mmCIF file of all heavy atoms, coordinates in Angstrom:
data_MODEL
# 
_entry.id   MODEL 
# 
loop_
_atom_site.group_PDB 
_atom_site.id 
_atom_site.type_symbol 
_atom_site.label_atom_id 
_atom_site.label_alt_id 
_atom_site.label_comp_id 
_atom_site.label_asym_id 
_atom_site.label_entity_id 
_atom_site.label_seq_id 
_atom_site.pdbx_PDB_ins_code 
_atom_site.Cartn_x 
_atom_site.Cartn_y 
_atom_site.Cartn_z 
_atom_site.occupancy 
_atom_site.B_iso_or_equiv 
_atom_site.pdbx_formal_charge 
_atom_site.auth_seq_id 
_atom_site.auth_comp_id 
_atom_site.auth_asym_id 
_atom_site.auth_atom_id 
_atom_site.pdbx_PDB_model_num 
ATOM 1   N N   . CYS A 1 1  ? 0.655  -9.570 -10.633 1.00 0.00 ? 1  CYS A N   1 
ATOM 2   C CA  . CYS A 1 1  ? -0.618 -9.140 -10.051 1.00 0.00 ? 1  CYS A CA  1 
ATOM 3   C C   . CYS A 1 1  ? -1.296 -8.089 -10.921 1.00 0.00 ? 1  CYS A C   1 
ATOM 4   O O   . CYS A 1 1  ? -0.636 -7.302 -11.595 1.00 0.00 ? 1  CYS A O   1 
ATOM 5   C CB  . CYS A 1 1  ? -0.383 -8.543 -8.665  1.00 0.00 ? 1  CYS A CB  1 
ATOM 6   S SG  . CYS A 1 1  ? 0.459  -9.654 -7.534  1.00 0.00 ? 1  CYS A SG  1 
ATOM 7   N N   . ASP A 1 2  ? -2.615 -8.057 -10.881 1.00 0.00 ? 2  ASP A N   1 
ATOM 8   C CA  . ASP A 1 2  ? -3.371 -7.008 -11.557 1.00 0.00 ? 2  ASP A CA  1 
ATOM 9   C C   . ASP A 1 2  ? -3.350 -5.720 -10.759 1.00 0.00 ? 2  ASP A C   1 
ATOM 10  O O   . ASP A 1 2  ? -3.403 -4.630 -11.319 1.00 0.00 ? 2  ASP A O   1 
ATOM 11  C CB  . ASP A 1 2  ? -4.830 -7.431 -11.760 1.00 0.00 ? 2  ASP A CB  1 
ATOM 12  C CG  . ASP A 1 2  ? -4.952 -8.577 -12.750 1.00 0.00 ? 2  ASP A CG  1 
ATOM 13  O OD1 . ASP A 1 2  ? -4.110 -8.665 -13.660 1.00 0.00 ? 2  ASP A OD1 1 
ATOM 14  O OD2 . ASP A 1 2  ? -5.890 -9.376 -12.601 1.00 0.00 ? 2  ASP A OD2 1 
ATOM 15  N N   . SER A 1 3  ? -3.308 -5.864 -9.427  1.00 0.00 ? 3  SER A N   1 
ATOM 16  C CA  . SER A 1 3  ? -3.271 -4.688 -8.557  1.00 0.00 ? 3  SER A CA  1 
ATOM 17  C C   . SER A 1 3  ? -2.503 -5.034 -7.291  1.00 0.00 ? 3  SER A C   1 
ATOM 18  O O   . SER A 1 3  ? -2.390 -6.209 -6.924  1.00 0.00 ? 3  SER A O   1 
ATOM 19  C CB  . SER A 1 3  ? -4.680 -4.216 -8.202  1.00 0.00 ? 3  SER A CB  1 
ATOM 20  O OG  . SER A 1 3  ? -5.356 -5.214 -7.464  1.00 0.00 ? 3  SER A OG  1 
ATOM 21  N N   . VAL A 1 4  ? -1.980 -4.015 -6.656  1.00 0.00 ? 4  VAL A N   1 
ATOM 22  C CA  . VAL A 1 4  ? -1.226 -4.192 -5.419  1.00 0.00 ? 4  VAL A CA  1 
ATOM 23  C C   . VAL A 1 4  ? -1.615 -3.069 -4.473  1.00 0.00 ? 4  VAL A C   1 
ATOM 24  O O   . VAL A 1 4  ? -1.667 -1.912 -4.857  1.00 0.00 ? 4  VAL A O   1 
ATOM 25  C CB  . VAL A 1 4  ? 0.302  -4.144 -5.677  1.00 0.00 ? 4  VAL A CB  1 
ATOM 26  C CG1 . VAL A 1 4  ? 1.072  -4.200 -4.371  1.00 0.00 ? 4  VAL A CG1 1 
ATOM 27  C CG2 . VAL A 1 4  ? 0.736  -5.270 -6.582  1.00 0.00 ? 4  VAL A CG2 1 
ATOM 28  N N   . SER A 1 5  ? -1.882 -3.442 -3.237  1.00 0.00 ? 5  SER A N   1 
ATOM 29  C CA  . SER A 1 5  ? -2.129 -2.466 -2.180  1.00 0.00 ? 5  SER A CA  1 
ATOM 30  C C   . SER A 1 5  ? -1.043 -2.667 -1.133  1.00 0.00 ? 5  SER A C   1 
ATOM 31  O O   . SER A 1 5  ? -0.763 -3.795 -0.740  1.00 0.00 ? 5  SER A O   1 
ATOM 32  C CB  . SER A 1 5  ? -3.509 -2.695 -1.564  1.00 0.00 ? 5  SER A CB  1 
ATOM 33  O OG  . SER A 1 5  ? -3.707 -1.824 -0.477  1.00 0.00 ? 5  SER A OG  1 
ATOM 34  N N   . LEU A 1 6  ? -0.439 -1.585 -0.714  1.00 0.00 ? 6  LEU A N   1 
ATOM 35  C CA  . LEU A 1 6  ? 0.641  -1.655 0.256   1.00 0.00 ? 6  LEU A CA  1 
ATOM 36  C C   . LEU A 1 6  ? 0.320  -0.721 1.418   1.00 0.00 ? 6  LEU A C   1 
ATOM 37  O O   . LEU A 1 6  ? 0.127  0.477  1.221   1.00 0.00 ? 6  LEU A O   1 
ATOM 38  C CB  . LEU A 1 6  ? 1.967  -1.259 -0.397  1.00 0.00 ? 6  LEU A CB  1 
ATOM 39  C CG  . LEU A 1 6  ? 3.201  -1.273 0.489   1.00 0.00 ? 6  LEU A CG  1 
ATOM 40  C CD1 . LEU A 1 6  ? 3.497  -2.677 0.994   1.00 0.00 ? 6  LEU A CD1 1 
ATOM 41  C CD2 . LEU A 1 6  ? 4.394  -0.724 -0.276  1.00 0.00 ? 6  LEU A CD2 1 
ATOM 42  N N   . CYS A 1 7  ? 0.231  -1.284 2.603   1.00 0.00 ? 7  CYS A N   1 
ATOM 43  C CA  . CYS A 1 7  ? -0.047 -0.508 3.804   1.00 0.00 ? 7  CYS A CA  1 
ATOM 44  C C   . CYS A 1 7  ? 1.275  -0.113 4.446   1.00 0.00 ? 7  CYS A C   1 
ATOM 45  O O   . CYS A 1 7  ? 2.118  -0.957 4.711   1.00 0.00 ? 7  CYS A O   1 
ATOM 46  C CB  . CYS A 1 7  ? -0.876 -1.340 4.776   1.00 0.00 ? 7  CYS A CB  1 
ATOM 47  S SG  . CYS A 1 7  ? -1.241 -0.472 6.301   1.00 0.00 ? 7  CYS A SG  1 
ATOM 48  N N   . PHE A 1 8  ? 1.442  1.176  4.717   1.00 0.00 ? 8  PHE A N   1 
ATOM 49  C CA  . PHE A 1 8  ? 2.685  1.667  5.300   1.00 0.00 ? 8  PHE A CA  1 
ATOM 50  C C   . PHE A 1 8  ? 2.711  1.568  6.823   1.00 0.00 ? 8  PHE A C   1 
ATOM 51  O O   . PHE A 1 8  ? 3.761  1.699  7.431   1.00 0.00 ? 8  PHE A O   1 
ATOM 52  C CB  . PHE A 1 8  ? 2.920  3.121  4.899   1.00 0.00 ? 8  PHE A CB  1 
ATOM 53  C CG  . PHE A 1 8  ? 3.121  3.299  3.434   1.00 0.00 ? 8  PHE A CG  1 
ATOM 54  C CD1 . PHE A 1 8  ? 2.236  4.058  2.693   1.00 0.00 ? 8  PHE A CD1 1 
ATOM 55  C CD2 . PHE A 1 8  ? 4.174  2.696  2.780   1.00 0.00 ? 8  PHE A CD2 1 
ATOM 56  C CE1 . PHE A 1 8  ? 2.418  4.212  1.335   1.00 0.00 ? 8  PHE A CE1 1 
ATOM 57  C CE2 . PHE A 1 8  ? 4.362  2.845  1.418   1.00 0.00 ? 8  PHE A CE2 1 
ATOM 58  C CZ  . PHE A 1 8  ? 3.469  3.618  0.695   1.00 0.00 ? 8  PHE A CZ  1 
ATOM 59  N N   . SER A 1 9  ? 1.555  1.318  7.444   1.00 0.00 ? 9  SER A N   1 
ATOM 60  C CA  . SER A 1 9  ? 1.517  1.304  8.905   1.00 0.00 ? 9  SER A CA  1 
ATOM 61  C C   . SER A 1 9  ? 1.690  -0.076 9.502   1.00 0.00 ? 9  SER A C   1 
ATOM 62  O O   . SER A 1 9  ? 1.729  -0.216 10.707  1.00 0.00 ? 9  SER A O   1 
ATOM 63  C CB  . SER A 1 9  ? 0.207  1.917  9.410   1.00 0.00 ? 9  SER A CB  1 
ATOM 64  O OG  . SER A 1 9  ? -0.889 1.118  9.036   1.00 0.00 ? 9  SER A OG  1 
ATOM 65  N N   . LYS A 1 10 ? 1.811  -1.081 8.708   1.00 0.00 ? 10 LYS A N   1 
ATOM 66  C CA  . LYS A 1 10 ? 2.017  -2.425 9.255   1.00 0.00 ? 10 LYS A CA  1 
ATOM 67  C C   . LYS A 1 10 ? 3.486  -2.580 9.616   1.00 0.00 ? 10 LYS A C   1 
ATOM 68  O O   . LYS A 1 10 ? 3.978  -1.919 10.501  1.00 0.00 ? 10 LYS A O   1 
ATOM 69  C CB  . LYS A 1 10 ? 1.572  -3.481 8.237   1.00 0.00 ? 10 LYS A CB  1 
ATOM 70  C CG  . LYS A 1 10 ? 0.137  -3.358 7.812   1.00 0.00 ? 10 LYS A CG  1 
ATOM 71  C CD  . LYS A 1 10 ? -0.785 -4.070 8.736   1.00 0.00 ? 10 LYS A CD  1 
ATOM 72  C CE  . LYS A 1 10 ? -2.178 -3.903 8.167   1.00 0.00 ? 10 LYS A CE  1 
ATOM 73  N NZ  . LYS A 1 10 ? -3.207 -4.519 8.785   1.00 0.00 ? 10 LYS A NZ  1 
ATOM 74  N N   . GLY A 1 11 ? 4.221  -3.384 8.914   1.00 0.00 ? 11 GLY A N   1 
ATOM 75  C CA  . GLY A 1 11 ? 5.614  -3.619 9.241   1.00 0.00 ? 11 GLY A CA  1 
ATOM 76  C C   . GLY A 1 11 ? 6.550  -2.464 8.948   1.00 0.00 ? 11 GLY A C   1 
ATOM 77  O O   . GLY A 1 11 ? 7.668  -2.440 9.426   1.00 0.00 ? 11 GLY A O   1 
ATOM 78  N N   . LEU A 1 12 ? 6.105  -1.497 8.161   1.00 0.00 ? 12 LEU A N   1 
ATOM 79  C CA  . LEU A 1 12 ? 6.993  -0.411 7.767   1.00 0.00 ? 12 LEU A CA  1 
ATOM 80  C C   . LEU A 1 12 ? 7.050  0.722  8.781   1.00 0.00 ? 12 LEU A C   1 
ATOM 81  O O   . LEU A 1 12 ? 7.906  1.589  8.690   1.00 0.00 ? 12 LEU A O   1 
ATOM 82  C CB  . LEU A 1 12 ? 6.601  0.119  6.387   1.00 0.00 ? 12 LEU A CB  1 
ATOM 83  C CG  . LEU A 1 12 ? 6.664  -0.912 5.265   1.00 0.00 ? 12 LEU A CG  1 
ATOM 84  C CD1 . LEU A 1 12 ? 6.289  -0.280 3.934   1.00 0.00 ? 12 LEU A CD1 1 
ATOM 85  C CD2 . LEU A 1 12 ? 8.031  -1.556 5.183   1.00 0.00 ? 12 LEU A CD2 1 
ATOM 86  N N   . GLY A 1 13 ? 6.127  0.757  9.711   1.00 0.00 ? 13 GLY A N   1 
ATOM 87  C CA  . GLY A 1 13 ? 6.229  1.678  10.840  1.00 0.00 ? 13 GLY A CA  1 
ATOM 88  C C   . GLY A 1 13 ? 5.692  3.072  10.643  1.00 0.00 ? 13 GLY A C   1 
ATOM 89  O O   . GLY A 1 13 ? 5.859  3.917  11.519  1.00 0.00 ? 13 GLY A O   1 
ATOM 90  N N   . ALA A 1 14 ? 5.068  3.380  9.538   1.00 0.00 ? 14 ALA A N   1 
ATOM 91  C CA  . ALA A 1 14 ? 4.470  4.707  9.380   1.00 0.00 ? 14 ALA A CA  1 
ATOM 92  C C   . ALA A 1 14 ? 3.196  4.781  10.220  1.00 0.00 ? 14 ALA A C   1 
ATOM 93  O O   . ALA A 1 14 ? 2.568  3.759  10.490  1.00 0.00 ? 14 ALA A O   1 
ATOM 94  C CB  . ALA A 1 14 ? 4.150  4.973  7.907   1.00 0.00 ? 14 ALA A CB  1 
ATOM 95  N N   . PRO A 1 15 ? 2.804  5.973  10.652  1.00 0.00 ? 15 PRO A N   1 
ATOM 96  C CA  . PRO A 1 15 ? 1.597  6.074  11.483  1.00 0.00 ? 15 PRO A CA  1 
ATOM 97  C C   . PRO A 1 15 ? 0.310  5.772  10.721  1.00 0.00 ? 15 PRO A C   1 
ATOM 98  O O   . PRO A 1 15 ? -0.683 5.379  11.314  1.00 0.00 ? 15 PRO A O   1 
ATOM 99  C CB  . PRO A 1 15 ? 1.612  7.525  11.965  1.00 0.00 ? 15 PRO A CB  1 
ATOM 100 C CG  . PRO A 1 15 ? 2.479  8.252  10.998  1.00 0.00 ? 15 PRO A CG  1 
ATOM 101 C CD  . PRO A 1 15 ? 3.473  7.254  10.486  1.00 0.00 ? 15 PRO A CD  1 
ATOM 102 N N   . ALA A 1 16 ? 0.314  5.948  9.405   1.00 0.00 ? 16 ALA A N   1 
ATOM 103 C CA  . ALA A 1 16 ? -0.878 5.707  8.590   1.00 0.00 ? 16 ALA A CA  1 
ATOM 104 C C   . ALA A 1 16 ? -0.457 5.722  7.134   1.00 0.00 ? 16 ALA A C   1 
ATOM 105 O O   . ALA A 1 16 ? 0.663  6.106  6.805   1.00 0.00 ? 16 ALA A O   1 
ATOM 106 C CB  . ALA A 1 16 ? -1.938 6.780  8.843   1.00 0.00 ? 16 ALA A CB  1 
ATOM 107 N N   . GLY A 1 17 ? -1.366 5.310  6.275   1.00 0.00 ? 17 GLY A N   1 
ATOM 108 C CA  . GLY A 1 17 ? -1.136 5.443  4.845   1.00 0.00 ? 17 GLY A CA  1 
ATOM 109 C C   . GLY A 1 17 ? -1.034 4.131  4.116   1.00 0.00 ? 17 GLY A C   1 
ATOM 110 O O   . GLY A 1 17 ? -0.632 3.116  4.669   1.00 0.00 ? 17 GLY A O   1 
ATOM 111 N N   . ALA A 1 18 ? -1.434 4.193  2.862   1.00 0.00 ? 18 ALA A N   1 
ATOM 112 C CA  . ALA A 1 18 ? -1.371 3.040  1.980   1.00 0.00 ? 18 ALA A CA  1 
ATOM 113 C C   . ALA A 1 18 ? -1.351 3.548  0.542   1.00 0.00 ? 18 ALA A C   1 
ATOM 114 O O   . ALA A 1 18 ? -1.718 4.691  0.276   1.00 0.00 ? 18 ALA A O   1 
ATOM 115 C CB  . ALA A 1 18 ? -2.574 2.123  2.201   1.00 0.00 ? 18 ALA A CB  1 
ATOM 116 N N   . VAL A 1 19 ? -0.925 2.702  -0.351  1.00 0.00 ? 19 VAL A N   1 
ATOM 117 C CA  . VAL A 1 19 ? -0.966 3.020  -1.772  1.00 0.00 ? 19 VAL A CA  1 
ATOM 118 C C   . VAL A 1 19 ? -1.643 1.882  -2.514  1.00 0.00 ? 19 VAL A C   1 
ATOM 119 O O   . VAL A 1 19 ? -1.649 0.737  -2.052  1.00 0.00 ? 19 VAL A O   1 
ATOM 120 C CB  . VAL A 1 19 ? 0.441  3.254  -2.377  1.00 0.00 ? 19 VAL A CB  1 
ATOM 121 C CG1 . VAL A 1 19 ? 1.049  4.521  -1.828  1.00 0.00 ? 19 VAL A CG1 1 
ATOM 122 C CG2 . VAL A 1 19 ? 1.357  2.085  -2.148  1.00 0.00 ? 19 VAL A CG2 1 
ATOM 123 N N   . LEU A 1 20 ? -2.209 2.234  -3.652  1.00 0.00 ? 20 LEU A N   1 
ATOM 124 C CA  . LEU A 1 20 ? -2.835 1.262  -4.529  1.00 0.00 ? 20 LEU A CA  1 
ATOM 125 C C   . LEU A 1 20 ? -2.209 1.438  -5.902  1.00 0.00 ? 20 LEU A C   1 
ATOM 126 O O   . LEU A 1 20 ? -2.117 2.551  -6.412  1.00 0.00 ? 20 LEU A O   1 
ATOM 127 C CB  . LEU A 1 20 ? -4.347 1.493  -4.607  1.00 0.00 ? 20 LEU A CB  1 
ATOM 128 C CG  . LEU A 1 20 ? -5.117 0.640  -5.607  1.00 0.00 ? 20 LEU A CG  1 
ATOM 129 C CD1 . LEU A 1 20 ? -5.109 -0.823 -5.175  1.00 0.00 ? 20 LEU A CD1 1 
ATOM 130 C CD2 . LEU A 1 20 ? -6.545 1.146  -5.749  1.00 0.00 ? 20 LEU A CD2 1 
ATOM 131 N N   . ALA A 1 21 ? -1.778 0.346  -6.494  1.00 0.00 ? 21 ALA A N   1 
ATOM 132 C CA  . ALA A 1 21 ? -1.228 0.393  -7.844  1.00 0.00 ? 21 ALA A CA  1 
ATOM 133 C C   . ALA A 1 21 ? -1.965 -0.625 -8.695  1.00 0.00 ? 21 ALA A C   1 
ATOM 134 O O   . ALA A 1 21 ? -2.341 -1.695 -8.223  1.00 0.00 ? 21 ALA A O   1 
ATOM 135 C CB  . ALA A 1 21 ? 0.261  0.061  -7.816  1.00 0.00 ? 21 ALA A CB  1 
ATOM 136 N N   . GLY A 1 22 ? -2.200 -0.250 -9.926  1.00 0.00 ? 22 GLY A N   1 
ATOM 137 C CA  . GLY A 1 22 ? -2.889 -1.138 -10.849 1.00 0.00 ? 22 GLY A CA  1 
ATOM 138 C C   . GLY A 1 22 ? -3.179 -0.420 -12.142 1.00 0.00 ? 22 GLY A C   1 
ATOM 139 O O   . GLY A 1 22 ? -2.604 0.647  -12.419 1.00 0.00 ? 22 GLY A O   1 
ATOM 140 N N   . ARG A 1 23 ? -4.091 -0.986 -12.916 1.00 0.00 ? 23 ARG A N   1 
ATOM 141 C CA  . ARG A 1 23 ? -4.490 -0.352 -14.172 1.00 0.00 ? 23 ARG A CA  1 
ATOM 142 C C   . ARG A 1 23 ? -5.044 1.038  -13.897 1.00 0.00 ? 23 ARG A C   1 
ATOM 143 O O   . ARG A 1 23 ? -5.650 1.288  -12.860 1.00 0.00 ? 23 ARG A O   1 
ATOM 144 C CB  . ARG A 1 23 ? -5.555 -1.194 -14.881 1.00 0.00 ? 23 ARG A CB  1 
ATOM 145 C CG  . ARG A 1 23 ? -5.069 -2.540 -15.379 1.00 0.00 ? 23 ARG A CG  1 
ATOM 146 C CD  . ARG A 1 23 ? -6.174 -3.318 -16.125 1.00 0.00 ? 23 ARG A CD  1 
ATOM 147 N NE  . ARG A 1 23 ? -7.536 -2.989 -15.739 1.00 0.00 ? 23 ARG A NE  1 
ATOM 148 C CZ  . ARG A 1 23 ? -8.197 -3.509 -14.701 1.00 0.00 ? 23 ARG A CZ  1 
ATOM 149 N NH1 . ARG A 1 23 ? -7.602 -4.391 -13.927 1.00 0.00 ? 23 ARG A NH1 1 
ATOM 150 N NH2 . ARG A 1 23 ? -9.438 -3.146 -14.446 1.00 0.00 ? 23 ARG A NH2 1 
ATOM 151 N N   . ARG A 1 24 ? -4.852 1.918  -14.847 1.00 0.00 ? 24 ARG A N   1 
ATOM 152 C CA  . ARG A 1 24 ? -5.310 3.308  -14.713 1.00 0.00 ? 24 ARG A CA  1 
ATOM 153 C C   . ARG A 1 24 ? -6.794 3.370  -14.346 1.00 0.00 ? 24 ARG A C   1 
ATOM 154 O O   . ARG A 1 24 ? -7.202 4.157  -13.501 1.00 0.00 ? 24 ARG A O   1 
ATOM 155 C CB  . ARG A 1 24 ? -5.028 4.056  -16.021 1.00 0.00 ? 24 ARG A CB  1 
ATOM 156 C CG  . ARG A 1 24 ? -5.319 5.527  -15.984 1.00 0.00 ? 24 ARG A CG  1 
ATOM 157 C CD  . ARG A 1 24 ? -4.976 6.222  -17.289 1.00 0.00 ? 24 ARG A CD  1 
ATOM 158 N NE  . ARG A 1 24 ? -3.690 5.835  -17.845 1.00 0.00 ? 24 ARG A NE  1 
ATOM 159 C CZ  . ARG A 1 24 ? -2.536 6.458  -17.588 1.00 0.00 ? 24 ARG A CZ  1 
ATOM 160 N NH1 . ARG A 1 24 ? -2.519 7.494  -16.795 1.00 0.00 ? 24 ARG A NH1 1 
ATOM 161 N NH2 . ARG A 1 24 ? -1.421 6.028  -18.140 1.00 0.00 ? 24 ARG A NH2 1 
# 
């Protein structure tokens, strides 16, 4: 993938938050 977004509040159970990874 060129970029990845991961939401922590879906299946992972955090109350909120996400990360984005990709090119600088």
